């Protein structure tokens, strides 16, 4: 009888220890989740490059952490932000020409895009003979080599590798497609547009003009 009682006591003690351990593990798990949600919402968010529009600087599949606080916070910055009692941004910091920014596509507010900021509100942007102009000032460009990349259809593409800089002194690399003449057909009409030669476009208030580095 005493042996059975001792066994039962040992079983109860082991059960209580395991239960207490599981409670501690559960608490740790919950705390870890809360910290991860906080960091993802207010500090850094993991992001995978979905397309080749930012080559050669960012390649398809590249993994990076995007700062959530560089330009302040809006109702779109955090989960369930639409319920927050404020409009606009708090702790706002103005984006600069040449910054690489991640943003939601305005059409559906679900798709993430990553592009380089070329024009600020009020700037006039145009393309002439494949050269980008901001406020009638051409961005400085110099060829520094070539860049080869495998096309999704299985053939090797060759690009001019260009070092570009703006009037603020920001330097970065861009690609110039050797085999592309810049002409595209419009689905809405029979017109053919030349993206290497565009009209002047004035960036509206509270908007930014962005481009990929793969042009």
N, C-alpha and C. Protein backbone atom coordinates (compact mmCIF):
# COMPACT_ATOMS: atom_id res chain seq x y z
N UNK A 1 0.84 -1.22 0.00
CA UNK A 1 0.00 0.00 0.00
C UNK A 1 0.86 1.25 0.00
N UNK A 2 1.88 1.25 0.85
CA UNK A 2 2.78 2.41 0.90
C UNK A 2 3.50 2.61 -0.43
N UNK A 3 3.84 1.48 -1.08
CA UNK A 3 4.52 1.55 -2.38
C UNK A 3 3.62 2.20 -3.42
N UNK A 4 2.35 1.77 -3.45
CA UNK A 4 1.39 2.35 -4.39
C UNK A 4 1.20 3.84 -4.13
N UNK A 5 1.13 4.21 -2.86
CA UNK A 5 0.96 5.61 -2.50
C UNK A 5 2.15 6.44 -2.94
N UNK A 6 3.35 5.88 -2.74
CA UNK A 6 4.56 6.60 -3.17
C UNK A 6 4.58 6.79 -4.69
N UNK A 7 4.16 5.73 -5.40
CA UNK A 7 4.12 5.83 -6.86
C UNK A 7 3.14 6.91 -7.30
N UNK A 8 1.98 6.94 -6.65
CA UNK A 8 0.97 7.96 -6.99
C UNK A 8 1.49 9.36 -6.69
N UNK A 9 2.17 9.51 -5.55
CA UNK A 9 2.73 10.83 -5.20
C UNK A 9 3.76 11.26 -6.24
N UNK A 10 4.63 10.31 -6.64
CA UNK A 10 5.65 10.63 -7.66
C UNK A 10 4.99 11.02 -8.98
N UNK A 11 3.94 10.29 -9.36
CA UNK A 11 3.23 10.61 -10.61
C UNK A 11 2.62 12.01 -10.55
N UNK A 12 2.01 12.33 -9.39
CA UNK A 12 1.41 13.66 -9.22
C UNK A 12 2.47 14.74 -9.30
N UNK A 13 3.61 14.52 -8.64
CA UNK A 13 4.70 15.51 -8.67
C UNK A 13 5.20 15.71 -10.10
N UNK A 14 5.41 14.60 -10.81
CA UNK A 14 5.88 14.69 -12.21
C UNK A 14 4.87 15.44 -13.06
N UNK A 15 3.59 15.14 -12.84
CA UNK A 15 2.53 15.82 -13.60
C UNK A 15 2.54 17.32 -13.35
N UNK A 16 2.68 17.69 -12.06
CA UNK A 16 2.69 19.11 -11.71
C UNK A 16 3.91 19.81 -12.30
N UNK A 17 5.06 19.12 -12.27
CA UNK A 17 6.27 19.71 -12.85
C UNK A 17 6.12 19.91 -14.35
N UNK A 18 5.57 18.88 -15.02
CA UNK A 18 5.36 18.98 -16.47
C UNK A 18 4.36 20.09 -16.79
N UNK A 19 3.29 20.14 -16.00
CA UNK A 19 2.27 21.17 -16.21
C UNK A 19 2.86 22.55 -16.04
N UNK A 20 3.66 22.71 -14.95
CA UNK A 20 4.29 24.02 -14.71
C UNK A 20 5.25 24.37 -15.84
N UNK A 21 6.00 23.35 -16.30
CA UNK A 21 6.94 23.58 -17.40
C UNK A 21 6.20 23.99 -18.67
N UNK A 22 5.08 23.31 -18.95
CA UNK A 22 4.30 23.63 -20.14
C UNK A 22 3.72 25.04 -20.06
N UNK A 23 3.31 25.43 -18.86
CA UNK A 23 2.78 26.79 -18.68
C UNK A 23 3.86 27.82 -18.97
N UNK A 24 5.09 27.54 -18.48
CA UNK A 24 6.20 28.45 -18.73
C UNK A 24 6.54 28.51 -20.22
N UNK A 25 6.52 27.34 -20.87
CA UNK A 25 6.78 27.29 -22.32
C UNK A 25 5.71 28.08 -23.06
N UNK A 26 4.47 27.91 -22.66
CA UNK A 26 3.36 28.62 -23.31
C UNK A 26 3.50 30.13 -23.11
N UNK A 27 3.86 30.54 -21.90
CA UNK A 27 4.06 31.97 -21.63
C UNK A 27 5.18 32.53 -22.51
N UNK A 28 6.28 31.78 -22.59
CA UNK A 28 7.41 32.22 -23.42
C UNK A 28 7.00 32.33 -24.88
N UNK A 29 6.20 31.36 -25.34
CA UNK A 29 5.73 31.36 -26.72
C UNK A 29 4.86 32.59 -27.00
N UNK A 30 3.95 32.90 -26.09
CA UNK A 30 3.07 34.06 -26.25
C UNK A 30 3.88 35.36 -26.27
N UNK A 31 4.84 35.47 -25.35
CA UNK A 31 5.69 36.67 -25.31
C UNK A 31 6.47 36.82 -26.61
N UNK A 32 7.01 35.71 -27.13
CA UNK A 32 7.76 35.76 -28.38
C UNK A 32 6.88 36.22 -29.54
N UNK A 33 5.64 35.72 -29.58
CA UNK A 33 4.71 36.14 -30.63
C UNK A 33 4.40 37.63 -30.53
N UNK A 34 4.15 38.11 -29.32
CA UNK A 34 3.84 39.53 -29.13
C UNK A 34 5.02 40.41 -29.55
N UNK A 35 6.24 39.99 -29.20
CA UNK A 35 7.43 40.75 -29.60
C UNK A 35 7.56 40.76 -31.11
N UNK A 36 7.35 39.59 -31.75
CA UNK A 36 7.46 39.50 -33.21
C UNK A 36 6.42 40.39 -33.90
N UNK A 37 5.19 40.38 -33.40
CA UNK A 37 4.13 41.22 -33.98
C UNK A 37 4.47 42.69 -33.81
N UNK A 38 4.98 43.06 -32.65
CA UNK A 38 5.34 44.46 -32.41
C UNK A 38 6.46 44.90 -33.35
N UNK A 39 7.51 44.08 -33.47
CA UNK A 39 8.63 44.43 -34.34
C UNK A 39 8.18 44.52 -35.80
N UNK A 40 7.34 43.57 -36.23
CA UNK A 40 6.88 43.57 -37.61
C UNK A 40 5.98 44.77 -37.90
N UNK A 41 5.22 45.20 -36.92
CA UNK A 41 4.27 46.29 -37.13
C UNK A 41 4.93 47.66 -37.03
N UNK A 42 5.93 47.80 -36.16
CA UNK A 42 6.46 49.13 -35.87
C UNK A 42 7.95 49.30 -36.17
N UNK A 43 8.67 48.23 -36.41
CA UNK A 43 10.12 48.36 -36.59
C UNK A 43 10.57 47.86 -37.97
N UNK A 44 10.59 46.56 -38.16
CA UNK A 44 11.07 45.99 -39.41
C UNK A 44 10.14 44.87 -39.87
N UNK A 45 9.90 44.84 -41.19
CA UNK A 45 9.04 43.80 -41.75
C UNK A 45 9.83 43.00 -42.79
N UNK A 46 9.80 41.66 -42.72
CA UNK A 46 10.49 40.86 -43.73
C UNK A 46 9.82 41.01 -45.09
N UNK A 47 10.65 41.02 -46.14
CA UNK A 47 10.13 41.26 -47.48
C UNK A 47 10.97 40.47 -48.47
N UNK A 48 10.31 39.80 -49.39
CA UNK A 48 10.99 39.05 -50.44
C UNK A 48 10.78 39.74 -51.78
N UNK A 49 11.85 39.94 -52.53
CA UNK A 49 11.76 40.64 -53.82
C UNK A 49 10.98 39.77 -54.80
N UNK A 50 9.83 40.27 -55.32
CA UNK A 50 8.96 39.43 -56.15
C UNK A 50 9.29 39.46 -57.64
N UNK A 51 10.02 40.47 -58.11
CA UNK A 51 10.24 40.62 -59.55
C UNK A 51 11.63 41.20 -59.80
N UNK A 52 11.97 41.31 -61.08
CA UNK A 52 13.29 41.81 -61.44
C UNK A 52 13.34 43.29 -61.72
N UNK A 53 12.35 44.05 -61.28
CA UNK A 53 12.30 45.48 -61.62
C UNK A 53 13.39 46.30 -60.94
N UNK A 54 14.02 45.74 -59.87
CA UNK A 54 15.07 46.48 -59.17
C UNK A 54 16.46 45.91 -59.42
N UNK A 55 16.59 45.05 -60.43
CA UNK A 55 17.93 44.60 -60.80
C UNK A 55 18.74 45.82 -61.27
N UNK A 56 20.05 45.85 -61.04
CA UNK A 56 20.92 44.80 -60.50
C UNK A 56 21.08 44.84 -58.99
N UNK A 57 20.41 45.78 -58.33
CA UNK A 57 20.62 45.97 -56.89
C UNK A 57 19.86 44.97 -56.04
N UNK A 58 18.66 44.59 -56.48
CA UNK A 58 17.85 43.61 -55.76
C UNK A 58 17.38 42.57 -56.76
N UNK A 59 17.65 41.31 -56.48
CA UNK A 59 17.34 40.23 -57.39
C UNK A 59 16.10 39.47 -56.92
N UNK A 60 15.45 38.77 -57.85
CA UNK A 60 14.25 38.00 -57.52
C UNK A 60 14.59 36.98 -56.43
N UNK A 61 13.77 36.97 -55.38
CA UNK A 61 13.99 36.04 -54.28
C UNK A 61 14.85 36.57 -53.16
N UNK A 62 15.49 37.72 -53.35
CA UNK A 62 16.28 38.32 -52.27
C UNK A 62 15.39 38.57 -51.05
N UNK A 63 15.93 38.32 -49.88
CA UNK A 63 15.19 38.51 -48.63
C UNK A 63 15.81 39.66 -47.86
N UNK A 64 14.97 40.58 -47.40
CA UNK A 64 15.47 41.72 -46.65
C UNK A 64 14.45 42.17 -45.62
N UNK A 65 14.92 42.98 -44.68
CA UNK A 65 14.03 43.57 -43.69
C UNK A 65 13.82 45.04 -44.04
N UNK A 66 12.57 45.45 -44.11
CA UNK A 66 12.21 46.81 -44.50
C UNK A 66 11.89 47.63 -43.26
N UNK A 67 12.49 48.80 -43.16
CA UNK A 67 12.22 49.68 -42.02
C UNK A 67 10.79 50.20 -42.08
N UNK A 68 10.07 50.11 -40.97
CA UNK A 68 8.70 50.58 -40.90
C UNK A 68 8.60 52.01 -40.39
N UNK A 69 9.71 52.56 -39.88
CA UNK A 69 9.64 53.86 -39.21
C UNK A 69 10.36 54.97 -39.95
N UNK A 70 10.99 54.67 -41.09
CA UNK A 70 11.79 55.68 -41.78
C UNK A 70 10.98 56.91 -42.17
N UNK A 71 9.73 56.70 -42.60
CA UNK A 71 8.88 57.81 -43.04
C UNK A 71 7.72 58.05 -42.08
N UNK A 72 7.81 57.55 -40.87
CA UNK A 72 6.72 57.72 -39.92
C UNK A 72 5.66 56.64 -40.07
N UNK A 73 4.55 56.82 -39.38
CA UNK A 73 3.49 55.82 -39.36
C UNK A 73 2.17 56.42 -39.83
N UNK A 74 1.43 55.62 -40.59
CA UNK A 74 0.08 56.00 -40.99
C UNK A 74 -0.86 54.86 -40.63
N UNK A 75 -2.13 55.03 -40.95
CA UNK A 75 -3.11 53.97 -40.66
C UNK A 75 -2.85 52.72 -41.50
N UNK A 76 -2.01 52.84 -42.55
CA UNK A 76 -1.69 51.70 -43.39
C UNK A 76 -0.44 50.97 -42.91
N UNK A 77 0.22 51.50 -41.89
CA UNK A 77 1.50 50.94 -41.45
C UNK A 77 1.35 49.74 -40.54
N UNK A 78 0.23 49.62 -39.86
CA UNK A 78 0.07 48.58 -38.84
C UNK A 78 -1.22 47.81 -39.08
N UNK A 79 -1.30 46.57 -38.58
CA UNK A 79 -2.55 45.80 -38.72
C UNK A 79 -3.73 46.52 -38.05
N UNK A 80 -4.86 46.46 -38.69
CA UNK A 80 -6.10 47.08 -38.19
C UNK A 80 -5.92 48.60 -37.99
N UNK A 81 -5.02 49.18 -38.78
CA UNK A 81 -4.74 50.61 -38.64
C UNK A 81 -5.91 51.50 -39.00
N UNK A 82 -6.84 50.96 -39.79
CA UNK A 82 -8.00 51.78 -40.17
C UNK A 82 -8.86 52.16 -38.98
N UNK A 83 -8.67 51.48 -37.85
CA UNK A 83 -9.45 51.80 -36.65
C UNK A 83 -8.75 52.83 -35.76
N UNK A 84 -7.54 53.23 -36.14
CA UNK A 84 -6.81 54.20 -35.31
C UNK A 84 -7.40 55.59 -35.48
N UNK A 85 -7.42 56.39 -34.41
CA UNK A 85 -8.09 57.70 -34.44
C UNK A 85 -7.22 58.83 -34.98
N UNK A 86 -6.57 58.63 -36.14
CA UNK A 86 -5.81 59.74 -36.71
C UNK A 86 -5.70 59.55 -38.22
N UNK A 87 -5.48 60.67 -38.91
CA UNK A 87 -5.25 60.65 -40.35
C UNK A 87 -3.82 61.12 -40.62
N UNK A 88 -3.37 60.90 -41.85
CA UNK A 88 -2.03 61.35 -42.20
C UNK A 88 -0.97 60.48 -41.55
N UNK A 89 0.16 61.12 -41.19
CA UNK A 89 1.27 60.38 -40.61
C UNK A 89 1.74 61.03 -39.32
N UNK A 90 2.25 60.20 -38.42
CA UNK A 90 2.90 60.70 -37.22
C UNK A 90 4.38 60.36 -37.30
N UNK A 91 5.21 61.17 -36.65
CA UNK A 91 6.67 61.01 -36.71
C UNK A 91 7.15 61.02 -38.16
N UNK A 92 6.55 61.90 -38.96
CA UNK A 92 6.80 61.91 -40.40
C UNK A 92 8.21 62.39 -40.73
N UNK A 93 8.85 61.67 -41.64
CA UNK A 93 10.14 62.07 -42.19
C UNK A 93 10.02 62.05 -43.71
N UNK A 94 10.38 63.12 -44.37
CA UNK A 94 10.16 63.27 -45.81
C UNK A 94 11.07 62.34 -46.61
N UNK A 95 10.51 61.56 -47.53
CA UNK A 95 11.35 60.73 -48.41
C UNK A 95 12.26 61.60 -49.27
N UNK A 96 13.39 61.03 -49.66
CA UNK A 96 14.38 61.75 -50.46
C UNK A 96 14.50 61.11 -51.83
N UNK A 97 14.90 61.92 -52.80
CA UNK A 97 15.17 61.39 -54.13
C UNK A 97 16.29 60.35 -54.04
N UNK A 98 16.07 59.23 -54.68
CA UNK A 98 17.07 58.17 -54.65
C UNK A 98 16.80 57.10 -53.61
N UNK A 99 15.88 57.36 -52.67
CA UNK A 99 15.52 56.34 -51.68
C UNK A 99 14.85 55.15 -52.36
N UNK A 100 15.07 53.97 -51.82
CA UNK A 100 14.32 52.79 -52.23
C UNK A 100 13.19 52.58 -51.23
N UNK A 101 11.96 52.55 -51.72
CA UNK A 101 10.80 52.50 -50.83
C UNK A 101 9.88 51.33 -51.19
N UNK A 102 9.28 50.75 -50.16
CA UNK A 102 8.25 49.72 -50.33
C UNK A 102 6.91 50.36 -50.02
N UNK A 103 5.92 50.13 -50.89
CA UNK A 103 4.62 50.77 -50.71
C UNK A 103 3.52 49.86 -51.25
N UNK A 104 2.31 50.14 -50.81
CA UNK A 104 1.15 49.41 -51.30
C UNK A 104 0.68 50.02 -52.62
N UNK A 105 0.28 49.17 -53.55
CA UNK A 105 -0.28 49.65 -54.80
C UNK A 105 -1.61 50.35 -54.51
N UNK A 106 -1.76 51.61 -54.89
CA UNK A 106 -2.99 52.36 -54.54
C UNK A 106 -4.27 51.73 -55.05
N UNK A 107 -4.18 50.93 -56.12
CA UNK A 107 -5.38 50.36 -56.70
C UNK A 107 -6.07 49.32 -55.85
N UNK A 108 -5.28 48.54 -55.06
CA UNK A 108 -5.93 47.50 -54.25
C UNK A 108 -5.47 47.49 -52.80
N UNK A 109 -4.43 48.25 -52.48
CA UNK A 109 -3.90 48.35 -51.11
C UNK A 109 -3.49 46.99 -50.55
N UNK A 110 -3.19 46.03 -51.44
CA UNK A 110 -2.75 44.71 -51.00
C UNK A 110 -1.39 44.35 -51.56
N UNK A 111 -1.14 44.76 -52.80
CA UNK A 111 0.10 44.39 -53.46
C UNK A 111 1.24 45.30 -53.04
N UNK A 112 2.36 44.70 -52.62
CA UNK A 112 3.54 45.47 -52.25
C UNK A 112 4.42 45.71 -53.47
N UNK A 113 4.91 46.95 -53.60
CA UNK A 113 5.85 47.31 -54.66
C UNK A 113 7.11 47.85 -54.01
N UNK A 114 8.25 47.64 -54.67
CA UNK A 114 9.50 48.23 -54.22
C UNK A 114 10.14 48.94 -55.41
N UNK A 115 10.35 50.24 -55.27
CA UNK A 115 10.87 51.07 -56.36
C UNK A 115 11.79 52.14 -55.79
N UNK A 116 12.44 52.85 -56.69
CA UNK A 116 13.30 53.97 -56.29
C UNK A 116 12.56 55.29 -56.51
N UNK A 117 12.64 56.18 -55.52
CA UNK A 117 11.98 57.48 -55.62
C UNK A 117 12.80 58.39 -56.53
N UNK A 118 12.17 58.85 -57.60
CA UNK A 118 12.83 59.73 -58.57
C UNK A 118 12.37 61.17 -58.39
N UNK A 119 11.06 61.38 -58.24
CA UNK A 119 10.52 62.73 -58.14
C UNK A 119 9.71 62.94 -56.88
N UNK A 120 9.83 64.13 -56.29
CA UNK A 120 9.08 64.51 -55.10
C UNK A 120 7.87 65.35 -55.51
N UNK A 121 6.93 65.59 -54.60
CA UNK A 121 5.77 66.43 -54.94
C UNK A 121 6.20 67.78 -55.52
N UNK A 122 5.61 68.12 -56.68
CA UNK A 122 5.95 69.37 -57.34
C UNK A 122 7.04 69.26 -58.38
N UNK A 123 7.80 68.16 -58.38
CA UNK A 123 8.86 67.97 -59.37
C UNK A 123 8.26 67.70 -60.75
N UNK A 124 9.00 68.07 -61.77
CA UNK A 124 8.65 67.74 -63.15
C UNK A 124 9.60 66.66 -63.64
N UNK A 125 9.04 65.55 -64.10
CA UNK A 125 9.84 64.39 -64.52
C UNK A 125 9.55 64.09 -65.98
N UNK A 126 10.59 63.75 -66.73
CA UNK A 126 10.42 63.35 -68.12
C UNK A 126 11.58 62.44 -68.52
N UNK A 127 11.40 61.77 -69.67
CA UNK A 127 12.46 60.94 -70.24
C UNK A 127 12.70 61.41 -71.66
N UNK A 128 13.96 61.68 -71.99
CA UNK A 128 14.33 62.15 -73.33
C UNK A 128 15.50 61.30 -73.82
N UNK A 129 15.26 60.59 -74.92
CA UNK A 129 16.28 59.70 -75.48
C UNK A 129 16.82 58.73 -74.44
N UNK A 130 15.91 58.24 -73.59
CA UNK A 130 16.30 57.27 -72.58
C UNK A 130 16.95 57.84 -71.34
N UNK A 131 17.10 59.17 -71.28
CA UNK A 131 17.70 59.83 -70.12
C UNK A 131 16.60 60.43 -69.26
N UNK A 132 16.71 60.25 -67.94
CA UNK A 132 15.71 60.77 -67.01
C UNK A 132 16.06 62.20 -66.62
N UNK A 133 15.05 63.06 -66.69
CA UNK A 133 15.21 64.47 -66.30
C UNK A 133 14.28 64.77 -65.12
N UNK A 134 14.80 65.46 -64.13
CA UNK A 134 14.01 65.93 -63.00
C UNK A 134 14.18 67.44 -62.91
N UNK A 135 13.08 68.16 -63.07
CA UNK A 135 13.11 69.63 -63.08
C UNK A 135 14.08 70.15 -64.13
N UNK A 136 14.02 69.50 -65.31
CA UNK A 136 14.84 69.86 -66.48
C UNK A 136 16.33 69.61 -66.27
N UNK A 137 16.70 68.93 -65.21
CA UNK A 137 18.09 68.56 -64.97
C UNK A 137 18.26 67.06 -65.22
N UNK A 138 19.17 66.72 -66.13
CA UNK A 138 19.38 65.31 -66.46
C UNK A 138 20.12 64.60 -65.33
N UNK A 139 19.65 63.41 -64.99
CA UNK A 139 20.39 62.61 -64.02
C UNK A 139 21.71 62.17 -64.63
N UNK A 140 22.77 62.30 -63.88
CA UNK A 140 24.09 61.94 -64.39
C UNK A 140 24.20 60.43 -64.56
N UNK A 141 24.71 60.02 -65.71
CA UNK A 141 24.83 58.59 -66.02
C UNK A 141 26.18 58.31 -66.65
N UNK A 142 26.77 57.19 -66.27
CA UNK A 142 28.01 56.75 -66.90
C UNK A 142 28.02 55.23 -66.94
N UNK A 143 28.39 54.69 -68.10
CA UNK A 143 28.44 53.24 -68.26
C UNK A 143 29.64 52.68 -67.51
N UNK A 144 29.41 51.64 -66.71
CA UNK A 144 30.49 51.05 -65.92
C UNK A 144 30.73 49.59 -66.27
N UNK A 145 29.94 49.03 -67.19
CA UNK A 145 30.14 47.64 -67.57
C UNK A 145 28.88 47.04 -68.15
N UNK A 146 28.79 45.73 -68.11
CA UNK A 146 27.60 45.02 -68.59
C UNK A 146 27.09 44.08 -67.50
N UNK A 147 25.84 43.70 -67.64
CA UNK A 147 25.19 42.82 -66.67
C UNK A 147 24.45 41.75 -67.46
N UNK A 148 24.72 40.48 -67.16
CA UNK A 148 24.06 39.38 -67.84
C UNK A 148 23.09 38.68 -66.90
N UNK A 149 21.95 38.30 -67.45
CA UNK A 149 20.92 37.67 -66.62
C UNK A 149 20.12 36.70 -67.48
N UNK A 150 19.74 35.58 -66.88
CA UNK A 150 18.97 34.58 -67.61
C UNK A 150 17.49 34.97 -67.64
N UNK A 151 16.95 35.11 -68.84
CA UNK A 151 15.53 35.42 -69.01
C UNK A 151 14.68 34.22 -68.60
N UNK A 152 13.43 34.50 -68.18
CA UNK A 152 12.55 33.40 -67.74
C UNK A 152 12.26 32.42 -68.88
N UNK A 153 12.46 32.83 -70.15
CA UNK A 153 12.23 31.93 -71.28
C UNK A 153 13.48 31.13 -71.64
N UNK A 154 14.55 31.31 -70.86
CA UNK A 154 15.71 30.43 -71.02
C UNK A 154 16.87 30.97 -71.81
N UNK A 155 16.83 32.22 -72.25
CA UNK A 155 17.96 32.76 -72.99
C UNK A 155 18.66 33.84 -72.15
N UNK A 156 19.92 34.09 -72.49
CA UNK A 156 20.74 35.03 -71.73
C UNK A 156 20.54 36.45 -72.25
N UNK A 157 20.22 37.37 -71.35
CA UNK A 157 20.06 38.78 -71.70
C UNK A 157 21.30 39.56 -71.26
N UNK A 158 21.66 40.56 -72.06
CA UNK A 158 22.78 41.43 -71.73
C UNK A 158 22.30 42.86 -71.60
N UNK A 159 22.69 43.52 -70.52
CA UNK A 159 22.28 44.90 -70.24
C UNK A 159 23.52 45.78 -70.08
N UNK A 160 23.36 47.06 -70.43
CA UNK A 160 24.37 48.04 -70.03
C UNK A 160 24.22 48.28 -68.53
N UNK A 161 25.33 48.26 -67.81
CA UNK A 161 25.32 48.57 -66.38
C UNK A 161 25.71 50.04 -66.23
N UNK A 162 24.79 50.84 -65.70
CA UNK A 162 24.94 52.28 -65.64
C UNK A 162 25.00 52.76 -64.19
N UNK A 163 25.95 53.65 -63.90
CA UNK A 163 25.95 54.33 -62.60
C UNK A 163 25.22 55.64 -62.77
N UNK A 164 24.16 55.81 -61.99
CA UNK A 164 23.31 57.00 -62.08
C UNK A 164 23.39 57.77 -60.77
N UNK A 165 23.34 59.10 -60.87
CA UNK A 165 23.34 59.93 -59.66
C UNK A 165 22.44 61.13 -59.89
N UNK A 166 21.80 61.58 -58.80
CA UNK A 166 20.92 62.74 -58.90
C UNK A 166 21.61 63.98 -58.33
N UNK A 167 20.90 65.09 -58.34
CA UNK A 167 21.50 66.35 -57.89
C UNK A 167 21.78 66.38 -56.39
N UNK A 168 21.21 65.42 -55.66
CA UNK A 168 21.46 65.34 -54.21
C UNK A 168 22.71 64.54 -53.90
N UNK A 169 23.34 63.99 -54.95
CA UNK A 169 24.56 63.22 -54.75
C UNK A 169 24.34 61.73 -54.52
N UNK A 170 23.08 61.28 -54.59
CA UNK A 170 22.77 59.86 -54.39
C UNK A 170 23.20 59.08 -55.62
N UNK A 171 24.02 58.03 -55.44
CA UNK A 171 24.49 57.20 -56.54
C UNK A 171 23.94 55.78 -56.40
N UNK A 172 23.65 55.16 -57.55
CA UNK A 172 23.14 53.80 -57.56
C UNK A 172 23.31 53.25 -58.97
N UNK A 173 23.20 51.95 -59.11
CA UNK A 173 23.35 51.29 -60.41
C UNK A 173 21.98 51.02 -61.02
N UNK A 174 21.89 51.19 -62.34
CA UNK A 174 20.67 50.85 -63.07
C UNK A 174 21.05 50.04 -64.30
N UNK A 175 20.06 49.38 -64.88
CA UNK A 175 20.27 48.60 -66.09
C UNK A 175 19.60 49.28 -67.28
N UNK A 176 20.25 49.19 -68.41
CA UNK A 176 19.68 49.70 -69.67
C UNK A 176 19.63 48.52 -70.63
N UNK A 177 18.43 48.12 -71.02
CA UNK A 177 18.24 46.96 -71.89
C UNK A 177 18.74 47.29 -73.30
N UNK A 178 19.80 46.60 -73.70
CA UNK A 178 20.41 46.87 -75.01
C UNK A 178 19.45 46.57 -76.15
N UNK A 179 18.64 45.51 -76.01
CA UNK A 179 17.80 45.08 -77.12
C UNK A 179 16.40 45.66 -77.14
N UNK A 180 16.08 46.59 -76.23
CA UNK A 180 14.72 47.13 -76.16
C UNK A 180 14.71 48.57 -76.65
N UNK A 181 13.80 48.86 -77.60
CA UNK A 181 13.77 50.20 -78.19
C UNK A 181 12.83 51.16 -77.46
N UNK A 182 12.16 50.68 -76.41
CA UNK A 182 11.32 51.57 -75.61
C UNK A 182 9.91 51.75 -76.13
N UNK A 183 9.55 51.04 -77.19
CA UNK A 183 8.22 51.22 -77.78
C UNK A 183 7.28 50.13 -77.27
N UNK A 184 6.08 50.56 -76.82
CA UNK A 184 5.08 49.62 -76.34
C UNK A 184 3.74 49.93 -77.00
N UNK A 185 2.95 48.89 -77.23
CA UNK A 185 1.61 49.05 -77.79
C UNK A 185 0.60 49.22 -76.66
N UNK A 186 -0.35 50.13 -76.85
CA UNK A 186 -1.39 50.34 -75.86
C UNK A 186 -2.55 49.39 -76.14
N UNK A 187 -3.04 48.73 -75.09
CA UNK A 187 -4.21 47.87 -75.25
C UNK A 187 -5.49 48.67 -75.42
N UNK A 188 -5.45 49.93 -74.98
CA UNK A 188 -6.65 50.76 -75.02
C UNK A 188 -6.83 51.45 -76.37
N UNK A 189 -5.78 51.51 -77.16
CA UNK A 189 -5.88 52.19 -78.45
C UNK A 189 -4.84 51.60 -79.39
N UNK A 190 -4.79 52.13 -80.59
CA UNK A 190 -3.81 51.66 -81.56
C UNK A 190 -2.52 52.46 -81.48
N UNK A 191 -2.41 53.35 -80.51
CA UNK A 191 -1.21 54.17 -80.37
C UNK A 191 -0.03 53.34 -79.89
N UNK A 192 1.15 53.75 -80.32
CA UNK A 192 2.40 53.15 -79.86
C UNK A 192 3.13 54.20 -79.04
N UNK A 193 3.46 53.86 -77.80
CA UNK A 193 4.12 54.80 -76.90
C UNK A 193 5.62 54.50 -76.84
N UNK A 194 6.39 55.55 -76.79
CA UNK A 194 7.84 55.44 -76.67
C UNK A 194 8.23 55.86 -75.27
N UNK A 195 8.56 54.89 -74.42
CA UNK A 195 8.89 55.22 -73.03
C UNK A 195 10.25 55.88 -72.90
N UNK A 196 11.03 55.87 -73.98
CA UNK A 196 12.32 56.57 -73.95
C UNK A 196 12.18 58.06 -74.24
N UNK A 197 10.99 58.47 -74.65
CA UNK A 197 10.72 59.89 -74.90
C UNK A 197 9.29 60.19 -74.43
N UNK A 198 9.17 60.89 -73.34
CA UNK A 198 7.86 61.15 -72.74
C UNK A 198 7.61 62.64 -72.61
N UNK A 199 6.37 62.97 -72.32
CA UNK A 199 6.03 64.36 -72.01
C UNK A 199 6.47 64.68 -70.58
N UNK A 200 6.48 65.96 -70.25
CA UNK A 200 6.76 66.37 -68.87
C UNK A 200 5.60 65.97 -67.97
N UNK A 201 5.92 65.44 -66.82
CA UNK A 201 4.90 65.04 -65.85
C UNK A 201 5.21 65.72 -64.53
N UNK A 202 4.24 66.48 -64.02
CA UNK A 202 4.41 67.15 -62.73
C UNK A 202 3.82 66.29 -61.62
N UNK A 203 4.63 65.96 -60.65
CA UNK A 203 4.20 65.08 -59.55
C UNK A 203 3.21 65.84 -58.66
N UNK A 204 2.00 65.30 -58.46
CA UNK A 204 1.00 66.00 -57.63
C UNK A 204 1.42 66.09 -56.16
N UNK A 205 0.73 66.94 -55.45
CA UNK A 205 0.94 67.08 -54.01
C UNK A 205 0.69 65.74 -53.31
N UNK A 206 1.53 65.44 -52.34
CA UNK A 206 1.41 64.21 -51.54
C UNK A 206 1.61 62.95 -52.37
N UNK A 207 2.26 63.07 -53.52
CA UNK A 207 2.57 61.92 -54.36
C UNK A 207 4.07 61.89 -54.64
N UNK A 208 4.53 60.72 -55.11
CA UNK A 208 5.94 60.56 -55.45
C UNK A 208 6.04 59.80 -56.77
N UNK A 209 7.05 60.15 -57.56
CA UNK A 209 7.28 59.47 -58.83
C UNK A 209 8.38 58.44 -58.61
N UNK A 210 8.08 57.19 -58.94
CA UNK A 210 9.04 56.11 -58.68
C UNK A 210 9.35 55.36 -59.97
N UNK A 211 10.51 54.73 -60.00
CA UNK A 211 10.92 53.89 -61.12
C UNK A 211 11.70 52.70 -60.58
N UNK A 212 11.70 51.62 -61.36
CA UNK A 212 12.59 50.51 -61.04
C UNK A 212 13.99 50.82 -61.54
N UNK A 213 14.96 50.08 -61.07
CA UNK A 213 16.34 50.26 -61.54
C UNK A 213 16.60 49.48 -62.83
N UNK A 214 15.73 48.53 -63.16
CA UNK A 214 15.83 47.76 -64.39
C UNK A 214 14.96 48.44 -65.44
N UNK A 215 15.60 49.23 -66.32
CA UNK A 215 14.84 50.05 -67.26
C UNK A 215 15.06 49.64 -68.70
